[in-house]
Each structure stands twice: as C-alpha cells, then as structure tokens.
Amino acid sequence: MKIILDRPRCEGHGLCEEAAPGLMHLDDDGELVLDREEIGDAVAAAANAAVRVCPVAALRVA
C-alpha cells in the first residue's frame, strides 16, 4: 500500500500529522512531508485515520 499526497490541495492543517505522527509531519514552512510513502499492514490503520481527518482530502491510500 502507498500513501499518496495531492500537494497542491494540502493546506497544512496538520490533522493528519496528529493522526499518524510516524508517517508524516509538517516541516518548518508548514508543508506536509511524507516520512514513508510505502506502508504495510502494521501502520495501515494510522494512514487511513490520517486520510479521514484531512479537511481538504489531500491524502489517499492506494
């Protein structure tokens, strides 16, 4: 599985970072950085939680 970020859509709210802190973070400029794009079953729940809380639907898991 993979986390996919639609960078132009991301507004840097940071809710995804709160839901999945080991998978993504906001940098000093407020830009979202994916720490891991490829994910396994162990972190799939956190990745899906990050997708659900994004207010602008900038993330998806495929």
N, C-alpha and C. Protein backbone atom coordinates (compact mmCIF):
# COMPACT_ATOMS: atom_id res chain seq x y z
N MET A 1 0.84 -1.18 0.00
CA MET A 1 0.00 0.00 0.00
C MET A 1 0.89 1.24 0.00
N LYS A 2 0.27 2.33 -0.38
CA LYS A 2 1.01 3.57 -0.53
C LYS A 2 0.15 4.75 -0.07
N ILE A 3 0.77 5.73 0.58
CA ILE A 3 0.10 6.98 0.91
C ILE A 3 0.39 7.95 -0.24
N ILE A 4 -0.66 8.56 -0.76
CA ILE A 4 -0.50 9.49 -1.86
C ILE A 4 -0.96 10.87 -1.41
N LEU A 5 -0.10 11.85 -1.59
CA LEU A 5 -0.37 13.23 -1.20
C LEU A 5 -0.63 14.07 -2.44
N ASP A 6 -1.75 14.76 -2.46
CA ASP A 6 -2.05 15.73 -3.51
C ASP A 6 -1.54 17.08 -2.99
N ARG A 7 -0.28 17.35 -3.22
CA ARG A 7 0.39 18.51 -2.64
C ARG A 7 -0.33 19.83 -2.91
N PRO A 8 -0.80 20.11 -4.13
CA PRO A 8 -1.48 21.39 -4.34
C PRO A 8 -2.75 21.56 -3.50
N ARG A 9 -3.37 20.46 -3.12
CA ARG A 9 -4.58 20.52 -2.30
C ARG A 9 -4.29 20.75 -0.83
N CYS A 10 -3.13 20.30 -0.37
CA CYS A 10 -2.79 20.36 1.06
C CYS A 10 -2.69 21.81 1.53
N GLU A 11 -3.38 22.11 2.63
CA GLU A 11 -3.36 23.45 3.20
C GLU A 11 -2.57 23.51 4.51
N GLY A 12 -1.97 22.40 4.92
CA GLY A 12 -1.11 22.39 6.11
C GLY A 12 -1.84 22.48 7.43
N HIS A 13 -3.04 21.94 7.53
CA HIS A 13 -3.79 21.98 8.78
C HIS A 13 -3.12 21.15 9.87
N GLY A 14 -2.45 20.06 9.51
CA GLY A 14 -1.72 19.25 10.47
C GLY A 14 -2.53 18.18 11.18
N LEU A 15 -3.80 18.02 10.83
CA LEU A 15 -4.62 16.99 11.47
C LEU A 15 -4.10 15.61 11.15
N CYS A 16 -3.60 15.43 9.94
CA CYS A 16 -3.05 14.13 9.53
C CYS A 16 -1.82 13.79 10.35
N GLU A 17 -1.01 14.79 10.62
CA GLU A 17 0.19 14.58 11.44
C GLU A 17 -0.19 14.11 12.83
N GLU A 18 -1.25 14.65 13.39
CA GLU A 18 -1.72 14.22 14.70
C GLU A 18 -2.23 12.78 14.67
N ALA A 19 -2.87 12.40 13.56
CA ALA A 19 -3.43 11.06 13.44
C ALA A 19 -2.37 10.00 13.15
N ALA A 20 -1.31 10.40 12.44
CA ALA A 20 -0.27 9.45 12.03
C ALA A 20 1.11 10.09 12.13
N PRO A 21 1.56 10.40 13.35
CA PRO A 21 2.84 11.12 13.52
C PRO A 21 4.07 10.36 13.01
N GLY A 22 4.01 9.07 12.91
CA GLY A 22 5.16 8.32 12.42
C GLY A 22 5.23 8.24 10.91
N LEU A 23 4.18 8.71 10.25
CA LEU A 23 4.12 8.59 8.80
C LEU A 23 4.31 9.91 8.07
N MET A 24 4.01 11.01 8.76
CA MET A 24 4.08 12.32 8.10
C MET A 24 4.28 13.41 9.14
N HIS A 25 4.77 14.55 8.68
CA HIS A 25 4.93 15.70 9.57
C HIS A 25 4.92 16.98 8.74
N LEU A 26 4.63 18.08 9.42
CA LEU A 26 4.72 19.39 8.78
C LEU A 26 6.13 19.91 8.98
N ASP A 27 6.74 20.42 7.92
CA ASP A 27 8.08 20.98 8.05
C ASP A 27 8.01 22.41 8.59
N ASP A 28 9.13 23.07 8.69
CA ASP A 28 9.19 24.43 9.25
C ASP A 28 8.39 25.44 8.44
N ASP A 29 8.13 25.15 7.19
CA ASP A 29 7.35 26.04 6.32
C ASP A 29 5.87 25.68 6.30
N GLY A 30 5.47 24.68 7.08
CA GLY A 30 4.08 24.26 7.11
C GLY A 30 3.68 23.34 5.97
N GLU A 31 4.68 22.80 5.27
CA GLU A 31 4.42 21.86 4.17
C GLU A 31 4.43 20.43 4.72
N LEU A 32 3.49 19.63 4.24
CA LEU A 32 3.43 18.24 4.68
C LEU A 32 4.53 17.43 4.00
N VAL A 33 5.21 16.64 4.81
CA VAL A 33 6.26 15.75 4.32
C VAL A 33 5.87 14.33 4.69
N LEU A 34 5.84 13.45 3.72
CA LEU A 34 5.58 12.04 3.99
C LEU A 34 6.89 11.38 4.41
N ASP A 35 6.92 10.86 5.63
CA ASP A 35 8.12 10.17 6.10
C ASP A 35 8.26 8.80 5.45
N ARG A 36 7.11 8.22 5.11
CA ARG A 36 7.08 6.93 4.41
C ARG A 36 5.93 6.96 3.44
N GLU A 37 6.18 6.61 2.20
CA GLU A 37 5.10 6.51 1.23
C GLU A 37 4.57 5.08 1.18
N GLU A 38 5.48 4.12 1.18
CA GLU A 38 5.09 2.71 1.19
C GLU A 38 4.76 2.32 2.62
N ILE A 39 3.58 1.72 2.81
CA ILE A 39 3.18 1.32 4.15
C ILE A 39 2.72 -0.13 4.15
N GLY A 40 2.85 -0.75 5.29
CA GLY A 40 2.40 -2.13 5.46
C GLY A 40 1.16 -2.17 6.33
N ASP A 41 0.71 -3.37 6.61
CA ASP A 41 -0.50 -3.56 7.41
C ASP A 41 -0.37 -2.98 8.82
N ALA A 42 0.83 -2.96 9.36
CA ALA A 42 1.04 -2.51 10.73
C ALA A 42 0.67 -1.04 10.93
N VAL A 43 0.81 -0.23 9.90
CA VAL A 43 0.51 1.21 10.01
C VAL A 43 -0.67 1.64 9.13
N ALA A 44 -1.34 0.68 8.53
CA ALA A 44 -2.45 1.00 7.63
C ALA A 44 -3.58 1.73 8.37
N ALA A 45 -3.86 1.34 9.61
CA ALA A 45 -4.93 2.00 10.36
C ALA A 45 -4.59 3.47 10.60
N ALA A 46 -3.34 3.77 10.94
CA ALA A 46 -2.93 5.16 11.15
C ALA A 46 -3.00 5.95 9.85
N ALA A 47 -2.59 5.35 8.76
CA ALA A 47 -2.64 6.01 7.46
C ALA A 47 -4.08 6.31 7.07
N ASN A 48 -4.96 5.36 7.27
CA ASN A 48 -6.37 5.58 6.95
C ASN A 48 -7.00 6.63 7.85
N ALA A 49 -6.57 6.70 9.10
CA ALA A 49 -7.06 7.74 10.01
C ALA A 49 -6.62 9.12 9.52
N ALA A 50 -5.39 9.22 9.04
CA ALA A 50 -4.89 10.49 8.51
C ALA A 50 -5.70 10.92 7.29
N VAL A 51 -6.04 9.98 6.44
CA VAL A 51 -6.86 10.27 5.26
C VAL A 51 -8.23 10.79 5.69
N ARG A 52 -8.83 10.15 6.67
CA ARG A 52 -10.17 10.53 7.12
C ARG A 52 -10.23 11.93 7.74
N VAL A 53 -9.18 12.34 8.45
CA VAL A 53 -9.23 13.64 9.14
C VAL A 53 -8.82 14.81 8.26
N CYS A 54 -8.30 14.57 7.10
CA CYS A 54 -7.87 15.67 6.23
C CYS A 54 -9.09 16.46 5.75
N PRO A 55 -9.20 17.74 6.10
CA PRO A 55 -10.37 18.51 5.73
C PRO A 55 -10.46 18.87 4.25
N VAL A 56 -9.37 18.71 3.51
CA VAL A 56 -9.38 19.07 2.10
C VAL A 56 -9.14 17.86 1.19
N ALA A 57 -9.16 16.66 1.77
CA ALA A 57 -8.99 15.41 1.01
C ALA A 57 -7.72 15.40 0.18
N ALA A 58 -6.61 15.78 0.81
CA ALA A 58 -5.33 15.83 0.11
C ALA A 58 -4.56 14.51 0.20
N LEU A 59 -5.06 13.57 0.97
CA LEU A 59 -4.39 12.28 1.15
C LEU A 59 -5.30 11.14 0.73
N ARG A 60 -4.66 10.07 0.26
CA ARG A 60 -5.40 8.83 0.00
C ARG A 60 -4.44 7.67 0.14
N VAL A 61 -5.00 6.51 0.39
CA VAL A 61 -4.22 5.28 0.48
C VAL A 61 -4.63 4.42 -0.71
N ALA A 62 -3.63 3.94 -1.43
CA ALA A 62 -3.91 3.10 -2.59
C ALA A 62 -3.09 1.83 -2.50
